[in-house]
Amino acid sequence: MIDREDVFDEYEILRDAFRGEDFGEEYSQHEDPNEQAAKFLDNVNSVAEPIYPGNTKYPQLKFVTRLLHWKNHNKCSDKAFDELLLLLGDVFPEGHKLPFNYYDVKKMVKKLNMGYEKIHACENDCMLFYGDDKDLENCKYCELSRYNVATNGGSDTILRKILRYFKITHRLQRLYMCTHTAGHMKYHKNRIVTEGVLSHPVDGEEWKEFDKNYPDFAAEIRNVRLGLVYNLPHTMSMKEPYMFMTLLVPGPNDPERNLNVYLRPLIDELFNLWQVGVQTFDTSTKTNFMMRAALLWTISDFPGLGMVNSWEDGLSYLYG
C-alpha cells in the first residue's frame, strides 16, 4: 500500500509533531482515548523505539520510512528490498527492530494509517469503479473493460487505470492526537485579537457568516475549517505538513473536464465529515469529541475552476 517517494515525510508529521511524547501515562486523571485512538497511539509508541539497542539517531519508524524513500527513489524491486532487509538484519546487533521483509514493512505502515486506497478508473476518465459501481467489469458510459488482457498469453488481467486516494480523516485526527498541534487547532478561538486588524480568516465576514448560519458547527471550536486547515495559526497553515495531498490522478493524459470524476471519493469523505463527523481524541484536554469538518474555500485559477466544474472553457465563469 506504500509506494510513493515522500513517504518518509510522514515520520516528521508523526514523531516530530509528537515531540517524542509518550502517551498513556496521564489518562487516569482524564478521559481515556477512544478505542481507535488508543490503538493508533499504541502503534506510534511501538515504532518509536531505537532501530537497535543503543542507537539514538534512528527510531524504528524513521529508519524504515527512510528505507522506503530510498526504495522508491531508486526504483528498487520488492525482491531486492527483501534481500537488503535480510542483509541489514544480519548486520544489526541482536534485539534490532528491523522488519523481516517488505510485506512486514507495509503492515507496519498500514497500522499507522499512512497508506492509500486504490480505486479503479475507466481509462477514458468516464467513471470510477467505486461505491455501487465497484463490481462492474465495464464502464457504463463507453463500455470499455476495466482490465487489459495480459500480452504474454496468460490468463492474468491488468488494471487499465488506478486512482490513489489518500484519506484526510485520519490526518485530521492526528492533528488532535499530537501534543504539538492539538492546542494550535484551537488557535482561531483562543488567539489574542487586535481590533481592526485582519490577521486570520476568522476575522473575515465569510467565517462570521458561516458561524451565523451553522451555529451547531461553530459551537464546537475543534471542528475543522478546510481550504487550508484554517484552525491553525496563519504561520502554520501554509507549511508542508499541514497541506494534504488527497488524490494522485493517473495519467498519462490530463483528464481535463473529467477531473470531477476523480473527486468523488473526496466529496464523499467531506460530506461524511460534515454530516456525521468522527470520534477523535484531543490530547491537549485528554477528552474525546465528535470532530466535524467544513470546506470553506477552494483556491484555483480560472482554467482549474473550469476543469472542476466540467466547463468547456475555463473562462466561462468570467463571461457568464
C-alpha atoms as a PDB file:
ATOM      1  CA  MET A   1       0.000   0.000   0.000  1.00  0.00           C
ATOM      2  CA  ILE A   2       3.018   2.305   0.124  1.00  0.00           C
ATOM      3  CA  ASP A   3       4.978   3.207  -2.982  1.00  0.00           C
ATOM      4  CA  ARG A   4       5.328   6.989  -3.023  1.00  0.00           C
ATOM      5  CA  GLU A   5       8.619   8.808  -2.769  1.00  0.00           C
ATOM      6  CA  ASP A   6       7.780  11.181   0.050  1.00  0.00           C
ATOM      7  CA  VAL A   7       6.570   8.509   2.447  1.00  0.00           C
ATOM      8  CA  PHE A   8       9.361   9.208   4.916  1.00  0.00           C
ATOM      9  CA  ASP A   9       7.928  12.706   5.447  1.00  0.00           C
ATOM     10  CA  GLU A  10       5.122  11.019   7.372  1.00  0.00           C
ATOM     11  CA  TYR A  11       7.718  10.357  10.060  1.00  0.00           C
ATOM     12  CA  GLU A  12       8.141  14.096  10.522  1.00  0.00           C
ATOM     13  CA  ILE A  13       4.374  14.511  10.801  1.00  0.00           C
ATOM     14  CA  LEU A  14       4.053  11.706  13.334  1.00  0.00           C
ATOM     15  CA  ARG A  15       7.129  11.768  15.537  1.00  0.00           C
ATOM     16  CA  ASP A  16       8.343  15.362  15.250  1.00  0.00           C
ATOM     17  CA  ALA A  17       4.803  16.559  15.852  1.00  0.00           C
ATOM     18  CA  PHE A  18       4.596  14.346  18.915  1.00  0.00           C
ATOM     19  CA  ARG A  19       7.963  15.792  20.047  1.00  0.00           C
ATOM     20  CA  GLY A  20       8.854  12.396  21.449  1.00  0.00           C
ATOM     21  CA  GLU A  21       5.927  12.468  23.868  1.00  0.00           C
ATOM     22  CA  ASP A  22       4.755   9.198  25.388  1.00  0.00           C
ATOM     23  CA  PHE A  23       1.047   8.571  25.662  1.00  0.00           C
ATOM     24  CA  GLY A  24      -0.989   6.738  28.253  1.00  0.00           C
ATOM     25  CA  GLU A  25       0.735   7.945  31.412  1.00  0.00           C
ATOM     26  CA  GLU A  26      -1.757  10.662  32.415  1.00  0.00           C
ATOM     27  CA  TYR A  27      -5.023   9.223  31.166  1.00  0.00           C
ATOM     28  CA  SER A  28      -6.108   8.057  34.629  1.00  0.00           C
ATOM     29  CA  GLN A  29      -6.834  11.686  35.547  1.00  0.00           C
ATOM     30  CA  HIS A  30      -8.785  12.387  32.374  1.00  0.00           C
ATOM     31  CA  GLU A  31     -10.917  10.658  29.777  1.00  0.00           C
ATOM     32  CA  ASP A  32      -9.429   7.578  28.141  1.00  0.00           C
ATOM     33  CA  PRO A  33      -8.811   7.730  24.382  1.00  0.00           C
ATOM     34  CA  ASN A  34     -11.477   6.076  22.264  1.00  0.00           C
ATOM     35  CA  GLU A  35     -10.641   2.597  21.013  1.00  0.00           C
ATOM     36  CA  GLN A  36      -9.365   3.723  17.615  1.00  0.00           C
ATOM     37  CA  ALA A  37      -7.189   6.485  19.095  1.00  0.00           C
ATOM     38  CA  ALA A  38      -5.767   4.195  21.785  1.00  0.00           C
ATOM     39  CA  LYS A  39      -4.788   1.638  19.152  1.00  0.00           C
ATOM     40  CA  PHE A  40      -3.152   4.287  16.996  1.00  0.00           C
ATOM     41  CA  LEU A  41      -1.205   5.819  19.890  1.00  0.00           C
ATOM     42  CA  ASP A  42      -0.007   2.368  20.956  1.00  0.00           C
ATOM     43  CA  ASN A  43       1.164   1.721  17.402  1.00  0.00           C
ATOM     44  CA  VAL A  44       3.027   5.048  17.291  1.00  0.00           C
ATOM     45  CA  ASN A  45       4.803   4.352  20.570  1.00  0.00           C
ATOM     46  CA  SER A  46       5.683   0.823  19.449  1.00  0.00           C
ATOM     47  CA  VAL A  47       7.662   2.155  16.461  1.00  0.00           C
ATOM     48  CA  ALA A  48       9.361   4.911  18.473  1.00  0.00           C
ATOM     49  CA  GLU A  49      11.954   2.551  19.955  1.00  0.00           C
ATOM     50  CA  PRO A  50      15.536   2.665  18.588  1.00  0.00           C
ATOM     51  CA  ILE A  51      16.074   0.591  15.456  1.00  0.00           C
ATOM     52  CA  TYR A  52      18.599  -1.355  17.512  1.00  0.00           C
ATOM     53  CA  PRO A  53      19.698  -1.047  21.167  1.00  0.00           C
ATOM     54  CA  GLY A  54      21.887   1.995  21.758  1.00  0.00           C
ATOM     55  CA  ASN A  55      21.048   3.810  18.507  1.00  0.00           C
ATOM     56  CA  THR A  56      19.957   7.344  19.419  1.00  0.00           C
ATOM     57  CA  LYS A  57      19.621   8.712  15.863  1.00  0.00           C
ATOM     58  CA  TYR A  58      17.045   6.418  14.271  1.00  0.00           C
ATOM     59  CA  PRO A  59      13.828   5.191  15.866  1.00  0.00           C
ATOM     60  CA  GLN A  60      12.294   2.236  14.036  1.00  0.00           C
ATOM     61  CA  LEU A  61       9.722   4.282  12.112  1.00  0.00           C
ATOM     62  CA  LYS A  62      12.208   6.889  10.919  1.00  0.00           C
ATOM     63  CA  PHE A  63      14.691   4.282   9.701  1.00  0.00           C
ATOM     64  CA  VAL A  64      12.074   2.189   7.913  1.00  0.00           C
ATOM     65  CA  THR A  65      10.480   5.186   6.182  1.00  0.00           C
ATOM     66  CA  ARG A  66      13.923   6.362   5.057  1.00  0.00           C
ATOM     67  CA  LEU A  67      14.455   2.920   3.546  1.00  0.00           C
ATOM     68  CA  LEU A  68      11.077   3.153   1.800  1.00  0.00           C
ATOM     69  CA  HIS A  69      12.047   6.518   0.355  1.00  0.00           C
ATOM     70  CA  TRP A  70      15.315   5.023  -0.901  1.00  0.00           C
ATOM     71  CA  LYS A  71      13.453   2.049  -2.410  1.00  0.00           C
ATOM     72  CA  ASN A  72      11.043   4.208  -4.388  1.00  0.00           C
ATOM     73  CA  HIS A  73      13.540   6.874  -5.392  1.00  0.00           C
ATOM     74  CA  ASN A  74      15.881   4.227  -6.832  1.00  0.00           C
ATOM     75  CA  LYS A  75      13.108   2.021  -8.265  1.00  0.00           C
ATOM     76  CA  CYS A  76      14.266  -0.921  -6.183  1.00  0.00           C
ATOM     77  CA  SER A  77      12.271  -4.130  -6.737  1.00  0.00           C
ATOM     78  CA  ASP A  78      10.420  -5.813  -3.879  1.00  0.00           C
ATOM     79  CA  LYS A  79      12.762  -8.814  -4.106  1.00  0.00           C
ATOM     80  CA  ALA A  80      15.886  -6.645  -3.905  1.00  0.00           C
ATOM     81  CA  PHE A  81      14.377  -4.744  -0.956  1.00  0.00           C
ATOM     82  CA  ASP A  82      13.720  -8.036   0.851  1.00  0.00           C
ATOM     83  CA  GLU A  83      17.365  -9.003   0.347  1.00  0.00           C
ATOM     84  CA  LEU A  84      18.534  -5.624   1.682  1.00  0.00           C
ATOM     85  CA  LEU A  85      16.405  -6.026   4.821  1.00  0.00           C
ATOM     86  CA  LEU A  86      17.785  -9.528   5.290  1.00  0.00           C
ATOM     87  CA  LEU A  87      21.369  -8.249   4.999  1.00  0.00           C
ATOM     88  CA  LEU A  88      20.806  -5.319   7.375  1.00  0.00           C
ATOM     89  CA  GLY A  89      19.091  -7.618   9.856  1.00  0.00           C
ATOM     90  CA  ASP A  90      22.156  -9.856   9.821  1.00  0.00           C
ATOM     91  CA  VAL A  91      24.485  -6.871  10.382  1.00  0.00           C
ATOM     92  CA  PHE A  92      22.477  -5.126  13.112  1.00  0.00           C
ATOM     93  CA  PRO A  93      23.011  -6.094  16.764  1.00  0.00           C
ATOM     94  CA  GLU A  94      20.755  -8.625  18.430  1.00  0.00           C
ATOM     95  CA  GLY A  95      17.418  -7.163  19.509  1.00  0.00           C
ATOM     96  CA  HIS A  96      17.027  -4.909  16.458  1.00  0.00           C
ATOM     97  CA  LYS A  97      13.557  -3.761  15.331  1.00  0.00           C
ATOM     98  CA  LEU A  98      14.050  -4.033  11.566  1.00  0.00           C
ATOM     99  CA  PRO A  99      11.125  -5.718   9.775  1.00  0.00           C
ATOM    100  CA  PHE A 100      11.920  -9.066   8.175  1.00  0.00           C
ATOM    101  CA  ASN A 101      10.664  -8.214   4.671  1.00  0.00           C
ATOM    102  CA  TYR A 102       8.736  -5.689   2.568  1.00  0.00           C
ATOM    103  CA  TYR A 103       5.431  -7.316   3.475  1.00  0.00           C
ATOM    104  CA  ASP A 104       6.110  -6.657   7.172  1.00  0.00           C
ATOM    105  CA  VAL A 105       7.082  -3.061   6.349  1.00  0.00           C
ATOM    106  CA  LYS A 106       3.744  -2.499   4.606  1.00  0.00           C
ATOM    107  CA  LYS A 107       1.868  -3.989   7.558  1.00  0.00           C
ATOM    108  CA  MET A 108       3.687  -1.658   9.957  1.00  0.00           C
ATOM    109  CA  VAL A 109       2.938   1.415   7.847  1.00  0.00           C
ATOM    110  CA  LYS A 110      -0.693   0.407   7.332  1.00  0.00           C
ATOM    111  CA  LYS A 111      -1.242   0.232  11.105  1.00  0.00           C
ATOM    112  CA  LEU A 112      -0.315   3.932  11.251  1.00  0.00           C
ATOM    113  CA  ASN A 113      -2.941   4.843   8.623  1.00  0.00           C
ATOM    114  CA  MET A 114      -0.241   6.094   6.269  1.00  0.00           C
ATOM    115  CA  GLY A 115      -1.406   4.207   3.184  1.00  0.00           C
ATOM    116  CA  TYR A 116      -3.884   4.957   0.443  1.00  0.00           C
ATOM    117  CA  GLU A 117      -6.913   3.393  -1.186  1.00  0.00           C
ATOM    118  CA  LYS A 118      -6.671   2.076  -4.735  1.00  0.00           C
ATOM    119  CA  ILE A 119      -9.762   2.858  -6.815  1.00  0.00           C
ATOM    120  CA  HIS A 120     -10.085   1.516 -10.348  1.00  0.00           C
ATOM    121  CA  ALA A 121     -10.915   4.065 -13.057  1.00  0.00           C
ATOM    122  CA  CYS A 122     -12.112   3.966 -16.641  1.00  0.00           C
ATOM    123  CA  GLU A 123      -9.196   4.524 -18.996  1.00  0.00           C
ATOM    124  CA  ASN A 124     -11.237   7.232 -20.737  1.00  0.00           C
ATOM    125  CA  ASP A 125     -11.903   9.032 -17.412  1.00  0.00           C
ATOM    126  CA  CYS A 126     -15.661   8.398 -17.678  1.00  0.00           C
ATOM    127  CA  MET A 127     -16.162   6.955 -14.194  1.00  0.00           C
ATOM    128  CA  LEU A 128     -14.653   5.284 -11.144  1.00  0.00           C
ATOM    129  CA  PHE A 129     -15.356   1.661 -10.300  1.00  0.00           C
ATOM    130  CA  TYR A 130     -16.366   2.793  -6.852  1.00  0.00           C
ATOM    131  CA  GLY A 131     -19.333   2.619  -4.492  1.00  0.00           C
ATOM    132  CA  ASP A 132     -22.318   0.969  -6.176  1.00  0.00           C
ATOM    133  CA  ASP A 133     -20.216   0.562  -9.333  1.00  0.00           C
ATOM    134  CA  LYS A 134     -17.198  -1.132  -7.751  1.00  0.00           C
ATOM    135  CA  ASP A 135     -18.032  -4.608  -9.116  1.00  0.00           C
ATOM    136  CA  LEU A 136     -18.728  -3.569 -12.716  1.00  0.00           C
ATOM    137  CA  GLU A 137     -16.473  -5.142 -15.342  1.00  0.00           C
ATOM    138  CA  ASN A 138     -17.041  -2.465 -17.986  1.00  0.00           C
ATOM    139  CA  CYS A 139     -17.517   1.297 -17.993  1.00  0.00           C
ATOM    140  CA  LYS A 140     -21.234   2.070 -18.031  1.00  0.00           C
ATOM    141  CA  TYR A 141     -20.647   5.012 -20.396  1.00  0.00           C
ATOM    142  CA  CYS A 142     -18.076   3.918 -23.001  1.00  0.00           C
ATOM    143  CA  GLU A 143     -18.314   0.159 -22.221  1.00  0.00           C
ATOM    144  CA  LEU A 144     -14.525  -0.209 -22.123  1.00  0.00           C
ATOM    145  CA  SER A 145     -13.311  -3.033 -19.875  1.00  0.00           C
ATOM    146  CA  ARG A 146     -11.574  -2.015 -16.674  1.00  0.00           C
ATOM    147  CA  TYR A 147      -8.871  -4.619 -17.451  1.00  0.00           C
ATOM    148  CA  ASN A 148      -6.219  -5.108 -20.090  1.00  0.00           C
ATOM    149  CA  VAL A 149      -5.669  -8.713 -21.113  1.00  0.00           C
ATOM    150  CA  ALA A 150      -2.118  -9.904 -20.488  1.00  0.00           C
ATOM    151  CA  THR A 151       0.029  -9.878 -23.633  1.00  0.00           C
ATOM    152  CA  ASN A 152       2.094 -12.907 -22.606  1.00  0.00           C
ATOM    153  CA  GLY A 153      -0.692 -15.326 -23.431  1.00  0.00           C
ATOM    154  CA  GLY A 154      -1.523 -15.935 -19.780  1.00  0.00           C
ATOM    155  CA  SER A 155      -4.845 -15.557 -18.046  1.00  0.00           C
ATOM    156  CA  ASP A 156      -3.767 -12.617 -15.880  1.00  0.00           C
ATOM    157  CA  THR A 157      -5.558  -9.297 -16.233  1.00  0.00           C
ATOM    158  CA  ILE A 158      -4.046  -5.865 -15.683  1.00  0.00           C
ATOM    159  CA  LEU A 159      -5.962  -2.830 -14.486  1.00  0.00           C
ATOM    160  CA  ARG A 160      -6.029  -0.066 -17.066  1.00  0.00           C
ATOM    161  CA  LYS A 161      -6.046   2.881 -14.652  1.00  0.00           C
ATOM    162  CA  ILE A 162      -5.868   3.293 -10.859  1.00  0.00           C
ATOM    163  CA  LEU A 163      -6.668   6.341  -8.728  1.00  0.00           C
ATOM    164  CA  ARG A 164      -4.746   6.510  -5.459  1.00  0.00           C
ATOM    165  CA  TYR A 165      -6.790   8.193  -2.770  1.00  0.00           C
ATOM    166  CA  PHE A 166      -5.210   9.461   0.454  1.00  0.00           C
ATOM    167  CA  LYS A 167      -7.993   9.945   3.000  1.00  0.00           C
ATOM    168  CA  ILE A 168      -7.945  13.095   5.103  1.00  0.00           C
ATOM    169  CA  THR A 169      -9.912  11.894   8.148  1.00  0.00           C
ATOM    170  CA  HIS A 170      -7.039  10.107   9.869  1.00  0.00           C
ATOM    171  CA  ARG A 171      -4.704  13.019   9.169  1.00  0.00           C
ATOM    172  CA  LEU A 172      -7.124  15.494  10.725  1.00  0.00           C
ATOM    173  CA  GLN A 173      -7.474  13.227  13.757  1.00  0.00           C
ATOM    174  CA  ARG A 174      -3.692  13.110  14.103  1.00  0.00           C
ATOM    175  CA  LEU A 175      -3.602  16.899  14.429  1.00  0.00           C
ATOM    176  CA  TYR A 176      -5.580  16.486  17.660  1.00  0.00           C
ATOM    177  CA  MET A 177      -3.634  13.449  18.850  1.00  0.00           C
ATOM    178  CA  CYS A 178      -0.289  15.267  18.547  1.00  0.00           C
ATOM    179  CA  THR A 179       0.662  17.313  21.601  1.00  0.00           C
ATOM    180  CA  HIS A 180       2.439  19.827  19.359  1.00  0.00           C
ATOM    181  CA  THR A 181      -0.598  20.626  17.196  1.00  0.00           C
ATOM    182  CA  ALA A 182      -3.676  19.881  19.348  1.00  0.00           C
ATOM    183  CA  GLY A 183      -3.545  23.241  21.115  1.00  0.00           C
ATOM    184  CA  HIS A 184      -2.857  25.089  17.862  1.00  0.00           C
ATOM    185  CA  MET A 185      -6.055  23.642  16.356  1.00  0.00           C
ATOM    186  CA  LYS A 186      -7.997  25.928  18.718  1.00  0.00           C
ATOM    187  CA  TYR A 187      -5.896  28.988  17.888  1.00  0.00           C
ATOM    188  CA  HIS A 188      -8.684  30.593  15.858  1.00  0.00           C
ATOM    189  CA  LYS A 189     -10.789  30.854  19.031  1.00  0.00           C
ATOM    190  CA  ASN A 190      -8.159  31.378  21.718  1.00  0.00           C
ATOM    191  CA  ARG A 191      -5.822  33.851  19.988  1.00  0.00           C
ATOM    192  CA  ILE A 192      -5.316  37.448  21.058  1.00  0.00           C
ATOM    193  CA  VAL A 193      -7.429  39.681  18.806  1.00  0.00           C
ATOM    194  CA  THR A 194      -6.268  43.138  17.753  1.00  0.00           C
ATOM    195  CA  GLU A 195      -9.236  45.359  16.972  1.00  0.00           C
ATOM    196  CA  GLY A 196      -9.335  46.449  13.338  1.00  0.00           C
ATOM    197  CA  VAL A 197      -6.574  44.061  12.226  1.00  0.00           C
ATOM    198  CA  LEU A 198      -7.342  41.219   9.794  1.00  0.00           C
ATOM    199  CA  SER A 199      -4.765  38.580  10.733  1.00  0.00           C
ATOM    200  CA  HIS A 200      -6.610  35.280  10.234  1.00  0.00           C
ATOM    201  CA  PRO A 201      -9.580  34.050   8.129  1.00  0.00           C
ATOM    202  CA  VAL A 202     -11.681  34.035  11.321  1.00  0.00           C
ATOM    203  CA  ASP A 203     -11.612  37.856  11.127  1.00  0.00           C
ATOM    204  CA  GLY A 204     -13.313  37.802   7.728  1.00  0.00           C
ATOM    205  CA  GLU A 205     -17.005  38.225   7.004  1.00  0.00           C
ATOM    206  CA  GLU A 206     -17.291  34.790   5.354  1.00  0.00           C
ATOM    207  CA  TRP A 207     -16.207  32.991   8.540  1.00  0.00           C
ATOM    208  CA  LYS A 208     -18.592  35.049  10.656  1.00  0.00           C
ATOM    209  CA  GLU A 209     -21.469  34.446   8.226  1.00  0.00           C
ATOM    210  CA  PHE A 210     -20.749  30.710   8.263  1.00  0.00           C
ATOM    211  CA  ASP A 211     -20.869  30.649  12.080  1.00  0.00           C
ATOM    212  CA  LYS A 212     -24.155  32.532  11.989  1.00  0.00           C
ATOM    213  CA  ASN A 213     -25.707  30.083   9.509  1.00  0.00           C
ATOM    214  CA  TYR A 214     -24.395  26.922  11.207  1.00  0.00           C
ATOM    215  CA  PRO A 215     -24.319  27.626  14.964  1.00  0.00           C
ATOM    216  CA  ASP A 216     -24.237  23.922  15.890  1.00  0.00           C
ATOM    217  CA  PHE A 217     -20.975  23.522  13.949  1.00  0.00           C
ATOM    218  CA  ALA A 218     -19.497  26.747  15.333  1.00  0.00           C
ATOM    219  CA  ALA A 219     -20.334  25.753  18.924  1.00  0.00           C
ATOM    220  CA  GLU A 220     -17.571  23.104  18.880  1.00  0.00           C
ATOM    221  CA  ILE A 221     -14.378  25.106  18.371  1.00  0.00           C
ATOM    222  CA  ARG A 222     -12.469  21.934  17.499  1.00  0.00           C
ATOM    223  CA  ASN A 223     -14.478  21.362  14.323  1.00  0.00           C
ATOM    224  CA  VAL A 224     -12.159  21.863  11.368  1.00  0.00           C
ATOM    225  CA  ARG A 225     -12.449  24.547   8.680  1.00  0.00           C
ATOM    226  CA  LEU A 226     -10.875  23.382   5.446  1.00  0.00           C
ATOM    227  CA  GLY A 227      -9.437  25.096   2.419  1.00  0.00           C
ATOM    228  CA  LEU A 228      -6.230  25.011   4.215  1.00  0.00           C
ATOM    229  CA  VAL A 229      -6.517  23.863   7.839  1.00  0.00           C
ATOM    230  CA  TYR A 230      -7.601  27.320   8.915  1.00  0.00           C
ATOM    231  CA  ASN A 231      -7.982  26.383  12.576  1.00  0.00           C
ATOM    232  CA  LEU A 232      -4.189  26.655  12.759  1.00  0.00           C
ATOM    233  CA  PRO A 233      -2.216  29.893  13.202  1.00  0.00           C
ATOM    234  CA  HIS A 234      -1.515  31.650   9.910  1.00  0.00           C
ATOM    235  CA  THR A 235       2.183  30.928  10.451  1.00  0.00           C
ATOM    236  CA  MET A 236       1.481  27.168  10.308  1.00  0.00           C
ATOM    237  CA  SER A 237      -1.407  26.674   7.869  1.00  0.00           C
ATOM    238  CA  MET A 238       0.753  27.105   4.747  1.00  0.00           C
ATOM    239  CA  LYS A 239       3.530  24.756   5.884  1.00  0.00           C
ATOM    240  CA  GLU A 240       4.038  21.420   4.150  1.00  0.00           C
ATOM    241  CA  PRO A 241       2.971  19.048   6.980  1.00  0.00           C
ATOM    242  CA  TYR A 242      -0.490  20.641   7.024  1.00  0.00           C
ATOM    243  CA  MET A 243      -1.086  20.656   3.255  1.00  0.00           C
ATOM    244  CA  PHE A 244      -2.652  17.288   2.421  1.00  0.00           C
ATOM    245  CA  MET A 245      -2.359  15.618  -0.951  1.00  0.00           C
ATOM    246  CA  THR A 246      -5.592  13.656  -1.341  1.00  0.00           C
ATOM    247  CA  LEU A 247      -5.684  12.414  -4.937  1.00  0.00           C
ATOM    248  CA  LEU A 248      -2.979  11.004  -7.194  1.00  0.00           C
ATOM    249  CA  VAL A 249      -4.828  11.115 -10.517  1.00  0.00           C
ATOM    250  CA  PRO A 250      -3.425   8.628 -13.064  1.00  0.00           C
ATOM    251  CA  GLY A 251      -2.032   9.734 -16.428  1.00  0.00           C
ATOM    252  CA  PRO A 252      -0.620   9.857 -18.938  1.00  0.00           C
ATOM    253  CA  ASN A 253      -3.231  12.309 -20.225  1.00  0.00           C
ATOM    254  CA  ASP A 254      -4.842  15.227 -18.408  1.00  0.00           C
ATOM    255  CA  PRO A 255      -8.463  14.310 -17.534  1.00  0.00           C
ATOM    256  CA  GLU A 256      -9.408  17.954 -18.226  1.00  0.00           C
ATOM    257  CA  ARG A 257     -13.201  18.361 -17.890  1.00  0.00           C
ATOM    258  CA  ASN A 258     -13.485  14.877 -16.381  1.00  0.00           C
ATOM    259  CA  LEU A 259     -11.401  15.825 -13.348  1.00  0.00           C
ATOM    260  CA  ASN A 260     -14.585  15.925 -11.269  1.00  0.00           C
ATOM    261  CA  VAL A 261     -14.919  12.147 -11.801  1.00  0.00           C
ATOM    262  CA  TYR A 262     -11.847  11.654  -9.624  1.00  0.00           C
ATOM    263  CA  LEU A 263     -13.133  13.988  -6.911  1.00  0.00           C
ATOM    264  CA  ARG A 264     -15.994  11.682  -5.921  1.00  0.00           C
ATOM    265  CA  PRO A 265     -14.264   9.808  -3.030  1.00  0.00           C
ATOM    266  CA  LEU A 266     -13.022  13.114  -1.596  1.00  0.00           C
ATOM    267  CA  ILE A 267     -16.500  14.637  -1.847  1.00  0.00           C
ATOM    268  CA  ASP A 268     -17.994  11.576  -0.134  1.00  0.00           C
ATOM    269  CA  GLU A 269     -15.466  11.826   2.706  1.00  0.00           C
ATOM    270  CA  LEU A 270     -16.029  15.567   3.111  1.00  0.00           C
ATOM    271  CA  PHE A 271     -19.793  15.008   3.142  1.00  0.00           C
ATOM    272  CA  ASN A 272     -19.434  12.410   5.912  1.00  0.00           C
ATOM    273  CA  LEU A 273     -17.178  14.724   7.939  1.00  0.00           C
ATOM    274  CA  TRP A 274     -19.757  17.487   7.588  1.00  0.00           C
ATOM    275  CA  GLN A 275     -22.918  15.485   8.256  1.00  0.00           C
ATOM    276  CA  VAL A 276     -21.726  12.867  10.752  1.00  0.00           C
ATOM    277  CA  GLY A 277     -18.178  13.507  11.948  1.00  0.00           C
ATOM    278  CA  VAL A 278     -15.757  11.080  13.535  1.00  0.00           C
ATOM    279  CA  GLN A 279     -14.874  10.423  17.164  1.00  0.00           C
ATOM    280  CA  THR A 280     -11.488  11.990  17.864  1.00  0.00           C
ATOM    281  CA  PHE A 281      -9.181  12.176  20.875  1.00  0.00           C
ATOM    282  CA  ASP A 282      -7.925  15.649  21.831  1.00  0.00           C
ATOM    283  CA  THR A 283      -4.650  15.102  23.650  1.00  0.00           C
ATOM    284  CA  SER A 284      -4.484  18.730  24.850  1.00  0.00           C
ATOM    285  CA  THR A 285      -7.594  18.247  27.014  1.00  0.00           C
ATOM    286  CA  LYS A 286      -7.482  14.419  27.273  1.00  0.00           C
ATOM    287  CA  THR A 287     -11.075  14.227  26.015  1.00  0.00           C
ATOM    288  CA  ASN A 288     -12.908  12.615  23.109  1.00  0.00           C
ATOM    289  CA  PHE A 289     -15.196  14.634  20.867  1.00  0.00           C
ATOM    290  CA  MET A 290     -17.076  14.230  17.584  1.00  0.00           C
ATOM    291  CA  MET A 291     -14.944  16.089  15.054  1.00  0.00           C
ATOM    292  CA  ARG A 292     -16.702  17.537  12.024  1.00  0.00           C
ATOM    293  CA  ALA A 293     -15.187  19.456   9.129  1.00  0.00           C
ATOM    294  CA  ALA A 294     -16.411  22.069   6.661  1.00  0.00           C
ATOM    295  CA  LEU A 295     -14.857  23.052   3.349  1.00  0.00           C
ATOM    296  CA  LEU A 296     -14.943  26.850   3.469  1.00  0.00           C
ATOM    297  CA  TRP A 297     -12.993  27.724   0.345  1.00  0.00           C
ATOM    298  CA  THR A 298     -11.304  26.204  -2.669  1.00  0.00           C
ATOM    299  CA  ILE A 299      -8.498  28.058  -4.407  1.00  0.00           C
ATOM    300  CA  SER A 300      -7.779  27.732  -8.140  1.00  0.00           C
ATOM    301  CA  ASP A 301      -7.189  29.771 -11.267  1.00  0.00           C
ATOM    302  CA  PHE A 302      -9.980  30.057 -13.853  1.00  0.00           C
ATOM    303  CA  PRO A 303      -8.774  27.138 -16.029  1.00  0.00           C
ATOM    304  CA  GLY A 304      -8.646  24.985 -12.888  1.00  0.00           C
ATOM    305  CA  LEU A 305     -12.115  26.142 -11.874  1.00  0.00           C
ATOM    306  CA  GLY A 306     -13.352  25.192 -15.323  1.00  0.00           C
ATOM    307  CA  MET A 307     -11.891  21.677 -15.000  1.00  0.00           C
ATOM    308  CA  VAL A 308     -13.510  21.082 -11.614  1.00  0.00           C
ATOM    309  CA  ASN A 309     -16.894  22.288 -12.898  1.00  0.00           C
ATOM    310  CA  SER A 310     -16.638  20.490 -16.290  1.00  0.00           C
ATOM    311  CA  TRP A 311     -16.885  23.723 -18.276  1.00  0.00           C
ATOM    312  CA  GLU A 312     -15.966  23.713 -21.959  1.00  0.00           C
ATOM    313  CA  ASP A 313     -13.948  26.883 -21.423  1.00  0.00           C
ATOM    314  CA  GLY A 314     -12.198  27.799 -18.178  1.00  0.00           C
ATOM    315  CA  LEU A 315     -13.123  31.443 -18.790  1.00  0.00           C
ATOM    316  CA  SER A 316     -16.872  30.725 -18.949  1.00  0.00           C
ATOM    317  CA  TYR A 317     -17.193  31.994 -15.393  1.00  0.00           C
ATOM    318  CA  LEU A 318     -15.966  35.420 -16.453  1.00  0.00           C
ATOM    319  CA  TYR A 319     -18.366  35.769 -19.352  1.00  0.00           C
ATOM    320  CA  GLY A 320     -21.440  34.206 -17.739  1.00  0.00           C
END
